[in-house]
Amino acid sequence: MSMVVTAPCFGCKYTDCVVVCPCDCFHEGESMLYIDPDQCIDCEACIPECPTQAIFHEDNVPEAWRDFIALNREMAPLCPSITERKPPLADQKPTG
């Protein structure tokens, strides 16, 4: 079992959660973060840090977002690891 990043992270990508993770299991996708379930130790440190309440223990993922369990498992290995805070997508201004 592991923590799972769900729908509220999509388009926000706050990274408050990654700096408290003791096992560096977060990965950064283009539009959201993912948790590698093989690296997660179920410490739950990330849950209270998420300002959008997007992180759940796998057993507690709301029914409407259950597909995010498989999405995290699939996407985490394909995306680079993230361990430092970055500006969320909502705060990033387009350039040009």
PDB file of N, CA and C in Angstrom:
ATOM      1  N   MET A   1       0.836  -1.183   0.000  1.00  0.00           N
ATOM      2  CA  MET A   1       0.000   0.000   0.000  1.00  0.00           C
ATOM      3  C   MET A   1       0.881   1.247   0.000  1.00  0.00           C
ATOM      4  N   SER A   2       0.323   2.323  -0.512  1.00  0.00           N
ATOM      5  CA  SER A   2       1.089   3.563  -0.565  1.00  0.00           C
ATOM      6  C   SER A   2       0.139   4.745  -0.603  1.00  0.00           C
ATOM      7  N   MET A   3       0.727   5.912  -0.606  1.00  0.00           N
ATOM      8  CA  MET A   3      -0.042   7.127  -0.790  1.00  0.00           C
ATOM      9  C   MET A   3      -0.271   7.287  -2.296  1.00  0.00           C
ATOM     10  N   VAL A   4      -1.337   8.009  -2.656  1.00  0.00           N
ATOM     11  CA  VAL A   4      -1.705   8.198  -4.055  1.00  0.00           C
ATOM     12  C   VAL A   4      -2.049   9.664  -4.276  1.00  0.00           C
ATOM     13  N   VAL A   5      -1.491  10.260  -5.313  1.00  0.00           N
ATOM     14  CA  VAL A   5      -1.848  11.626  -5.708  1.00  0.00           C
ATOM     15  C   VAL A   5      -3.042  11.522  -6.651  1.00  0.00           C
ATOM     16  N   THR A   6      -4.070  12.347  -6.395  1.00  0.00           N
ATOM     17  CA  THR A   6      -5.317  12.236  -7.149  1.00  0.00           C
ATOM     18  C   THR A   6      -5.659  13.540  -7.881  1.00  0.00           C
ATOM     19  N   ALA A   7      -6.869  13.604  -8.391  1.00  0.00           N
ATOM     20  CA  ALA A   7      -7.347  14.668  -9.286  1.00  0.00           C
ATOM     21  C   ALA A   7      -7.083  16.102  -8.829  1.00  0.00           C
ATOM     22  N   PRO A   8      -7.218  16.450  -7.542  1.00  0.00           N
ATOM     23  CA  PRO A   8      -7.003  17.863  -7.179  1.00  0.00           C
ATOM     24  C   PRO A   8      -5.602  18.386  -7.481  1.00  0.00           C
ATOM     25  N   CYS A   9      -4.638  17.505  -7.683  1.00  0.00           N
ATOM     26  CA  CYS A   9      -3.279  17.945  -8.019  1.00  0.00           C
ATOM     27  C   CYS A   9      -3.162  18.362  -9.484  1.00  0.00           C
ATOM     28  N   PHE A  10      -4.033  17.832 -10.327  1.00  0.00           N
ATOM     29  CA  PHE A  10      -3.937  18.097 -11.760  1.00  0.00           C
ATOM     30  C   PHE A  10      -4.069  19.594 -12.036  1.00  0.00           C
ATOM     31  N   GLY A  11      -3.068  20.160 -12.676  1.00  0.00           N
ATOM     32  CA  GLY A  11      -3.069  21.569 -13.025  1.00  0.00           C
ATOM     33  C   GLY A  11      -2.581  22.487 -11.915  1.00  0.00           C
ATOM     34  N   CYS A  12      -2.306  21.954 -10.750  1.00  0.00           N
ATOM     35  CA  CYS A  12      -1.810  22.765  -9.624  1.00  0.00           C
ATOM     36  C   CYS A  12      -0.337  22.475  -9.378  1.00  0.00           C
ATOM     37  N   LYS A  13      -0.080  21.214  -9.084  1.00  0.00           N
ATOM     38  CA  LYS A  13       1.276  20.716  -8.869  1.00  0.00           C
ATOM     39  C   LYS A  13       2.015  21.477  -7.767  1.00  0.00           C
ATOM     40  N   TYR A  14       1.360  21.630  -6.609  1.00  0.00           N
ATOM     41  CA  TYR A  14       2.058  22.170  -5.442  1.00  0.00           C
ATOM     42  C   TYR A  14       3.099  21.148  -5.018  1.00  0.00           C
ATOM     43  N   THR A  15       4.232  21.601  -4.514  1.00  0.00           N
ATOM     44  CA  THR A  15       5.308  20.672  -4.160  1.00  0.00           C
ATOM     45  C   THR A  15       5.643  20.700  -2.671  1.00  0.00           C
ATOM     46  N   ASP A  16       4.750  21.218  -1.855  1.00  0.00           N
ATOM     47  CA  ASP A  16       4.957  21.226  -0.416  1.00  0.00           C
ATOM     48  C   ASP A  16       5.177  19.800   0.104  1.00  0.00           C
ATOM     49  N   CYS A  17       4.513  18.858  -0.506  1.00  0.00           N
ATOM     50  CA  CYS A  17       4.565  17.449  -0.088  1.00  0.00           C
ATOM     51  C   CYS A  17       5.929  16.820  -0.327  1.00  0.00           C
ATOM     52  N   VAL A  18       6.606  17.209  -1.384  1.00  0.00           N
ATOM     53  CA  VAL A  18       7.858  16.529  -1.736  1.00  0.00           C
ATOM     54  C   VAL A  18       8.976  16.812  -0.742  1.00  0.00           C
ATOM     55  N   VAL A  19       8.963  17.973  -0.116  1.00  0.00           N
ATOM     56  CA  VAL A  19      10.052  18.323   0.800  1.00  0.00           C
ATOM     57  C   VAL A  19       9.953  17.588   2.132  1.00  0.00           C
ATOM     58  N   VAL A  20       8.799  17.042   2.470  1.00  0.00           N
ATOM     59  CA  VAL A  20       8.658  16.287   3.725  1.00  0.00           C
ATOM     60  C   VAL A  20       8.790  14.783   3.518  1.00  0.00           C
ATOM     61  N   CYS A  21       8.875  14.347   2.290  1.00  0.00           N
ATOM     62  CA  CYS A  21       8.934  12.908   1.993  1.00  0.00           C
ATOM     63  C   CYS A  21      10.311  12.349   2.374  1.00  0.00           C
ATOM     64  N   PRO A  22      10.357  11.385   3.295  1.00  0.00           N
ATOM     65  CA  PRO A  22      11.650  10.844   3.723  1.00  0.00           C
ATOM     66  C   PRO A  22      12.254   9.833   2.741  1.00  0.00           C
ATOM     67  N   CYS A  23      11.490   9.419   1.740  1.00  0.00           N
ATOM     68  CA  CYS A  23      12.011   8.391   0.829  1.00  0.00           C
ATOM     69  C   CYS A  23      12.045   8.853  -0.626  1.00  0.00           C
ATOM     70  N   ASP A  24      11.813  10.142  -0.874  1.00  0.00           N
ATOM     71  CA  ASP A  24      11.928  10.697  -2.227  1.00  0.00           C
ATOM     72  C   ASP A  24      11.132   9.902  -3.255  1.00  0.00           C
ATOM     73  N   CYS A  25       9.866   9.634  -2.941  1.00  0.00           N
ATOM     74  CA  CYS A  25       9.056   8.806  -3.844  1.00  0.00           C
ATOM     75  C   CYS A  25       8.189   9.623  -4.804  1.00  0.00           C
ATOM     76  N   PHE A  26       8.287  10.963  -4.761  1.00  0.00           N
ATOM     77  CA  PHE A  26       7.492  11.797  -5.668  1.00  0.00           C
ATOM     78  C   PHE A  26       8.183  11.948  -7.014  1.00  0.00           C
ATOM     79  N   HIS A  27       7.362  11.996  -8.052  1.00  0.00           N
ATOM     80  CA  HIS A  27       7.850  12.187  -9.417  1.00  0.00           C
ATOM     81  C   HIS A  27       7.002  13.267 -10.068  1.00  0.00           C
ATOM     82  N   GLU A  28       7.648  14.076 -10.904  1.00  0.00           N
ATOM     83  CA  GLU A  28       6.987  15.233 -11.501  1.00  0.00           C
ATOM     84  C   GLU A  28       6.592  14.976 -12.941  1.00  0.00           C
ATOM     85  N   GLY A  29       5.281  14.979 -13.173  1.00  0.00           N
ATOM     86  CA  GLY A  29       4.761  14.903 -14.522  1.00  0.00           C
ATOM     87  C   GLY A  29       4.506  16.298 -15.053  1.00  0.00           C
ATOM     88  N   GLU A  30       4.042  16.384 -16.254  1.00  0.00           N
ATOM     89  CA  GLU A  30       3.801  17.682 -16.877  1.00  0.00           C
ATOM     90  C   GLU A  30       2.714  18.478 -16.153  1.00  0.00           C
ATOM     91  N   SER A  31       1.658  17.804 -15.705  1.00  0.00           N
ATOM     92  CA  SER A  31       0.515  18.500 -15.117  1.00  0.00           C
ATOM     93  C   SER A  31       0.240  18.164 -13.662  1.00  0.00           C
ATOM     94  N   MET A  32       0.939  17.171 -13.117  1.00  0.00           N
ATOM     95  CA  MET A  32       0.712  16.791 -11.724  1.00  0.00           C
ATOM     96  C   MET A  32       1.884  15.969 -11.202  1.00  0.00           C
ATOM     97  N   LEU A  33       1.858  15.691  -9.915  1.00  0.00           N
ATOM     98  CA  LEU A  33       2.857  14.845  -9.286  1.00  0.00           C
ATOM     99  C   LEU A  33       2.324  13.421  -9.169  1.00  0.00           C
ATOM    100  N   TYR A  34       3.242  12.477  -9.033  1.00  0.00           N
ATOM    101  CA  TYR A  34       2.888  11.074  -8.848  1.00  0.00           C
ATOM    102  C   TYR A  34       3.732  10.510  -7.713  1.00  0.00           C
ATOM    103  N   ILE A  35       3.223   9.502  -7.043  1.00  0.00           N
ATOM    104  CA  ILE A  35       3.968   8.803  -6.001  1.00  0.00           C
ATOM    105  C   ILE A  35       4.275   7.395  -6.497  1.00  0.00           C
ATOM    106  N   ASP A  36       5.539   7.018  -6.396  1.00  0.00           N
ATOM    107  CA  ASP A  36       5.935   5.663  -6.775  1.00  0.00           C
ATOM    108  C   ASP A  36       5.559   4.731  -5.626  1.00  0.00           C
ATOM    109  N   PRO A  37       4.601   3.838  -5.840  1.00  0.00           N
ATOM    110  CA  PRO A  37       4.149   2.976  -4.754  1.00  0.00           C
ATOM    111  C   PRO A  37       5.217   1.993  -4.270  1.00  0.00           C
ATOM    112  N   ASP A  38       6.226   1.727  -5.092  1.00  0.00           N
ATOM    113  CA  ASP A  38       7.295   0.828  -4.681  1.00  0.00           C
ATOM    114  C   ASP A  38       8.316   1.521  -3.787  1.00  0.00           C
ATOM    115  N   GLN A  39       8.309   2.851  -3.777  1.00  0.00           N
ATOM    116  CA  GLN A  39       9.228   3.614  -2.931  1.00  0.00           C
ATOM    117  C   GLN A  39       8.549   4.157  -1.679  1.00  0.00           C
ATOM    118  N   CYS A  40       7.253   4.350  -1.725  1.00  0.00           N
ATOM    119  CA  CYS A  40       6.501   4.948  -0.618  1.00  0.00           C
ATOM    120  C   CYS A  40       6.515   4.027   0.600  1.00  0.00           C
ATOM    121  N   ILE A  41       6.748   4.604   1.780  1.00  0.00           N
ATOM    122  CA  ILE A  41       6.788   3.817   3.013  1.00  0.00           C
ATOM    123  C   ILE A  41       5.537   4.054   3.876  1.00  0.00           C
ATOM    124  N   ASP A  42       4.518   4.668   3.330  1.00  0.00           N
ATOM    125  CA  ASP A  42       3.248   4.892   4.037  1.00  0.00           C
ATOM    126  C   ASP A  42       3.388   5.726   5.303  1.00  0.00           C
ATOM    127  N   CYS A  43       4.294   6.669   5.318  1.00  0.00           N
ATOM    128  CA  CYS A  43       4.484   7.479   6.532  1.00  0.00           C
ATOM    129  C   CYS A  43       3.405   8.539   6.692  1.00  0.00           C
ATOM    130  N   GLU A  44       2.721   8.884   5.602  1.00  0.00           N
ATOM    131  CA  GLU A  44       1.638   9.871   5.574  1.00  0.00           C
ATOM    132  C   GLU A  44       2.085  11.304   5.849  1.00  0.00           C
ATOM    133  N   ALA A  45       3.383  11.570   5.835  1.00  0.00           N
ATOM    134  CA  ALA A  45       3.886  12.926   6.079  1.00  0.00           C
ATOM    135  C   ALA A  45       3.399  13.907   5.022  1.00  0.00           C
ATOM    136  N   CYS A  46       3.163  13.422   3.816  1.00  0.00           N
ATOM    137  CA  CYS A  46       2.761  14.291   2.710  1.00  0.00           C
ATOM    138  C   CYS A  46       1.295  14.728   2.790  1.00  0.00           C
ATOM    139  N   ILE A  47       0.461  13.935   3.409  1.00  0.00           N
ATOM    140  CA  ILE A  47      -0.979  14.223   3.408  1.00  0.00           C
ATOM    141  C   ILE A  47      -1.309  15.598   3.975  1.00  0.00           C
ATOM    142  N   PRO A  48      -0.847  15.954   5.183  1.00  0.00           N
ATOM    143  CA  PRO A  48      -1.214  17.275   5.709  1.00  0.00           C
ATOM    144  C   PRO A  48      -0.544  18.442   4.994  1.00  0.00           C
ATOM    145  N   GLU A  49       0.494  18.164   4.205  1.00  0.00           N
ATOM    146  CA  GLU A  49       1.205  19.230   3.490  1.00  0.00           C
ATOM    147  C   GLU A  49       0.545  19.627   2.186  1.00  0.00           C
ATOM    148  N   CYS A  50      -0.347  18.813   1.672  1.00  0.00           N
ATOM    149  CA  CYS A  50      -0.974  19.080   0.377  1.00  0.00           C
ATOM    150  C   CYS A  50      -2.087  20.114   0.521  1.00  0.00           C
ATOM    151  N   PRO A  51      -1.916  21.304  -0.066  1.00  0.00           N
ATOM    152  CA  PRO A  51      -2.930  22.356   0.080  1.00  0.00           C
ATOM    153  C   PRO A  51      -4.236  22.072  -0.676  1.00  0.00           C
ATOM    154  N   THR A  52      -4.202  21.126  -1.606  1.00  0.00           N
ATOM    155  CA  THR A  52      -5.421  20.809  -2.359  1.00  0.00           C
ATOM    156  C   THR A  52      -6.077  19.511  -1.896  1.00  0.00           C
ATOM    157  N   GLN A  53      -5.519  18.895  -0.856  1.00  0.00           N
ATOM    158  CA  GLN A  53      -6.032  17.632  -0.320  1.00  0.00           C
ATOM    159  C   GLN A  53      -6.141  16.566  -1.416  1.00  0.00           C
ATOM    160  N   ALA A  54      -5.063  16.440  -2.172  1.00  0.00           N
ATOM    161  CA  ALA A  54      -5.028  15.513  -3.307  1.00  0.00           C
ATOM    162  C   ALA A  54      -4.414  14.167  -2.975  1.00  0.00           C
ATOM    163  N   ILE A  55      -3.816  14.029  -1.778  1.00  0.00           N
ATOM    164  CA  ILE A  55      -3.095  12.799  -1.451  1.00  0.00           C
ATOM    165  C   ILE A  55      -3.896  11.968  -0.457  1.00  0.00           C
ATOM    166  N   PHE A  56      -4.022  10.683  -0.786  1.00  0.00           N
ATOM    167  CA  PHE A  56      -4.765   9.751   0.053  1.00  0.00           C
ATOM    168  C   PHE A  56      -3.973   8.456   0.196  1.00  0.00           C
ATOM    169  N   HIS A  57      -4.204   7.768   1.299  1.00  0.00           N
ATOM    170  CA  HIS A  57      -3.705   6.402   1.399  1.00  0.00           C
ATOM    171  C   HIS A  57      -4.477   5.598   0.367  1.00  0.00           C
ATOM    172  N   GLU A  58      -3.829   4.654  -0.263  1.00  0.00           N
ATOM    173  CA  GLU A  58      -4.449   3.874  -1.329  1.00  0.00           C
ATOM    174  C   GLU A  58      -5.812   3.299  -0.925  1.00  0.00           C
ATOM    175  N   ASP A  59      -5.951   2.865   0.306  1.00  0.00           N
ATOM    176  CA  ASP A  59      -7.223   2.301   0.779  1.00  0.00           C
ATOM    177  C   ASP A  59      -8.322   3.348   0.932  1.00  0.00           C
ATOM    178  N   ASN A  60      -7.944   4.622   0.982  1.00  0.00           N
ATOM    179  CA  ASN A  60      -8.905   5.703   1.224  1.00  0.00           C
ATOM    180  C   ASN A  60      -9.167   6.598   0.022  1.00  0.00           C
ATOM    181  N   VAL A  61      -8.663   6.236  -1.143  1.00  0.00           N
ATOM    182  CA  VAL A  61      -8.899   7.037  -2.351  1.00  0.00           C
ATOM    183  C   VAL A  61     -10.405   7.012  -2.653  1.00  0.00           C
ATOM    184  N   PRO A  62     -11.018   8.187  -2.802  1.00  0.00           N
ATOM    185  CA  PRO A  62     -12.450   8.211  -3.131  1.00  0.00           C
ATOM    186  C   PRO A  62     -12.746   7.421  -4.410  1.00  0.00           C
ATOM    187  N   GLU A  63     -13.888   6.808  -4.439  1.00  0.00           N
ATOM    188  CA  GLU A  63     -14.281   5.937  -5.560  1.00  0.00           C
ATOM    189  C   GLU A  63     -14.101   6.629  -6.913  1.00  0.00           C
ATOM    190  N   ALA A  64     -14.467   7.889  -6.997  1.00  0.00           N
ATOM    191  CA  ALA A  64     -14.381   8.626  -8.272  1.00  0.00           C
ATOM    192  C   ALA A  64     -12.947   8.768  -8.771  1.00  0.00           C
ATOM    193  N   TRP A  65     -11.975   8.627  -7.886  1.00  0.00           N
ATOM    194  CA  TRP A  65     -10.569   8.821  -8.252  1.00  0.00           C
ATOM    195  C   TRP A  65      -9.755   7.537  -8.167  1.00  0.00           C
ATOM    196  N   ARG A  66     -10.376   6.382  -8.084  1.00  0.00           N
ATOM    197  CA  ARG A  66      -9.668   5.108  -7.943  1.00  0.00           C
ATOM    198  C   ARG A  66      -8.708   4.845  -9.112  1.00  0.00           C
ATOM    199  N   ASP A  67      -8.997   5.398 -10.296  1.00  0.00           N
ATOM    200  CA  ASP A  67      -8.106   5.217 -11.449  1.00  0.00           C
ATOM    201  C   ASP A  67      -6.731   5.843 -11.211  1.00  0.00           C
ATOM    202  N   PHE A  68      -6.644   6.776 -10.281  1.00  0.00           N
ATOM    203  CA  PHE A  68      -5.366   7.423  -9.991  1.00  0.00           C
ATOM    204  C   PHE A  68      -4.375   6.472  -9.312  1.00  0.00           C
ATOM    205  N   ILE A  69      -4.863   5.401  -8.719  1.00  0.00           N
ATOM    206  CA  ILE A  69      -3.967   4.405  -8.128  1.00  0.00           C
ATOM    207  C   ILE A  69      -3.098   3.811  -9.234  1.00  0.00           C
ATOM    208  N   ALA A  70      -3.727   3.346 -10.296  1.00  0.00           N
ATOM    209  CA  ALA A  70      -2.989   2.779 -11.429  1.00  0.00           C
ATOM    210  C   ALA A  70      -2.177   3.849 -12.151  1.00  0.00           C
ATOM    211  N   LEU A  71      -2.723   5.061 -12.248  1.00  0.00           N
ATOM    212  CA  LEU A  71      -2.011   6.140 -12.938  1.00  0.00           C
ATOM    213  C   LEU A  71      -0.700   6.467 -12.225  1.00  0.00           C
ATOM    214  N   ASN A  72      -0.719   6.539 -10.894  1.00  0.00           N
ATOM    215  CA  ASN A  72       0.516   6.792 -10.147  1.00  0.00           C
ATOM    216  C   ASN A  72       1.522   5.673 -10.388  1.00  0.00           C
ATOM    217  N   ARG A  73       1.057   4.431 -10.329  1.00  0.00           N
ATOM    218  CA  ARG A  73       1.938   3.270 -10.537  1.00  0.00           C
ATOM    219  C   ARG A  73       2.553   3.304 -11.941  1.00  0.00           C
ATOM    220  N   GLU A  74       1.761   3.693 -12.919  1.00  0.00           N
ATOM    221  CA  GLU A  74       2.227   3.731 -14.306  1.00  0.00           C
ATOM    222  C   GLU A  74       3.156   4.906 -14.590  1.00  0.00           C
ATOM    223  N   MET A  75       2.792   6.093 -14.105  1.00  0.00           N
ATOM    224  CA  MET A  75       3.515   7.306 -14.485  1.00  0.00           C
ATOM    225  C   MET A  75       4.763   7.602 -13.649  1.00  0.00           C
ATOM    226  N   ALA A  76       4.774   7.226 -12.392  1.00  0.00           N
ATOM    227  CA  ALA A  76       5.921   7.554 -11.534  1.00  0.00           C
ATOM    228  C   ALA A  76       7.248   7.083 -12.128  1.00  0.00           C
ATOM    229  N   PRO A  77       7.354   5.849 -12.598  1.00  0.00           N
ATOM    230  CA  PRO A  77       8.644   5.419 -13.162  1.00  0.00           C
ATOM    231  C   PRO A  77       9.036   6.139 -14.455  1.00  0.00           C
ATOM    232  N   LEU A  78       8.074   6.761 -15.108  1.00  0.00           N
ATOM    233  CA  LEU A  78       8.346   7.448 -16.373  1.00  0.00           C
ATOM    234  C   LEU A  78       8.733   8.914 -16.191  1.00  0.00           C
ATOM    235  N   CYS A  79       8.526   9.443 -14.985  1.00  0.00           N
ATOM    236  CA  CYS A  79       8.750  10.867 -14.720  1.00  0.00           C
ATOM    237  C   CYS A  79       9.941  11.055 -13.788  1.00  0.00           C
ATOM    238  N   PRO A  80      10.616  12.203 -13.906  1.00  0.00           N
ATOM    239  CA  PRO A  80      11.782  12.446 -13.051  1.00  0.00           C
ATOM    240  C   PRO A  80      11.383  12.610 -11.587  1.00  0.00           C
ATOM    241  N   SER A  81      12.271  12.190 -10.715  1.00  0.00           N
ATOM    242  CA  SER A  81      12.082  12.358  -9.279  1.00  0.00           C
ATOM    243  C   SER A  81      12.119  13.852  -8.940  1.00  0.00           C
ATOM    244  N   ILE A  82      11.355  14.239  -7.926  1.00  0.00           N
ATOM    245  CA  ILE A  82      11.367  15.627  -7.468  1.00  0.00           C
ATOM    246  C   ILE A  82      11.512  15.614  -5.952  1.00  0.00           C
ATOM    247  N   THR A  83      12.455  16.409  -5.439  1.00  0.00           N
ATOM    248  CA  THR A  83      12.715  16.446  -4.000  1.00  0.00           C
ATOM    249  C   THR A  83      12.742  17.864  -3.442  1.00  0.00           C
ATOM    250  N   GLU A  84      12.648  18.862  -4.319  1.00  0.00           N
ATOM    251  CA  GLU A  84      12.712  20.249  -3.870  1.00  0.00           C
ATOM    252  C   GLU A  84      11.451  20.994  -4.272  1.00  0.00           C
ATOM    253  N   ARG A  85      11.105  21.983  -3.470  1.00  0.00           N
ATOM    254  CA  ARG A  85       9.917  22.805  -3.726  1.00  0.00           C
ATOM    255  C   ARG A  85      10.131  23.635  -4.992  1.00  0.00           C
ATOM    256  N   LYS A  86       9.069  23.711  -5.787  1.00  0.00           N
ATOM    257  CA  LYS A  86       9.038  24.533  -6.997  1.00  0.00           C
ATOM    258  C   LYS A  86       7.755  25.351  -6.967  1.00  0.00           C
ATOM    259  N   PRO A  87       7.687  26.421  -7.744  1.00  0.00           N
ATOM    260  CA  PRO A  87       6.418  27.159  -7.823  1.00  0.00           C
ATOM    261  C   PRO A  87       5.329  26.267  -8.418  1.00  0.00           C
ATOM    262  N   PRO A  88       4.125  26.307  -7.852  1.00  0.00           N
ATOM    263  CA  PRO A  88       3.037  25.512  -8.439  1.00  0.00           C
ATOM    264  C   PRO A  88       2.641  26.054  -9.803  1.00  0.00           C
ATOM    265  N   LEU A  89       1.989  25.228 -10.598  1.00  0.00           N
ATOM    266  CA  LEU A  89       1.555  25.664 -11.930  1.00  0.00           C
ATOM    267  C   LEU A  89       0.680  26.904 -11.844  1.00  0.00           C
ATOM    268  N   ALA A  90      -0.139  26.995 -10.816  1.00  0.00           N
ATOM    269  CA  ALA A  90      -1.032  28.134 -10.669  1.00  0.00           C
ATOM    270  C   ALA A  90      -0.260  29.445 -10.526  1.00  0.00           C
ATOM    271  N   ASP A  91       0.981  29.389 -10.034  1.00  0.00           N
ATOM    272  CA  ASP A  91       1.786  30.591  -9.831  1.00  0.00           C
ATOM    273  C   ASP A  91       2.730  30.896 -10.993  1.00  0.00           C
ATOM    274  N   GLN A  92       2.836  29.996 -11.934  1.00  0.00           N
ATOM    275  CA  GLN A  92       3.760  30.198 -13.044  1.00  0.00           C
ATOM    276  C   GLN A  92       3.125  31.059 -14.122  1.00  0.00           C
ATOM    277  N   LYS A  93       3.833  32.066 -14.501  1.00  0.00           N
ATOM    278  CA  LYS A  93       3.347  33.001 -15.522  1.00  0.00           C
ATOM    279  C   LYS A  93       3.867  32.588 -16.894  1.00  0.00           C
ATOM    280  N   PRO A  94       3.023  32.673 -17.927  1.00  0.00           N
ATOM    281  CA  PRO A  94       3.522  32.357 -19.264  1.00  0.00           C
ATOM    282  C   PRO A  94       4.587  33.343 -19.687  1.00  0.00           C
ATOM    283  N   THR A  95       5.562  32.855 -20.425  1.00  0.00           N
ATOM    284  CA  THR A  95       6.628  33.732 -20.912  1.00  0.00           C
ATOM    285  C   THR A  95       6.337  34.152 -22.334  1.00  0.00           C
ATOM    286  N   GLY A  96       6.887  35.269 -22.709  1.00  0.00           N
ATOM    287  CA  GLY A  96       6.742  35.663 -24.097  1.00  0.00           C
ATOM    288  C   GLY A  96       6.152  36.945 -24.289  1.00  0.00           C
TER     289      GLY A  96
END
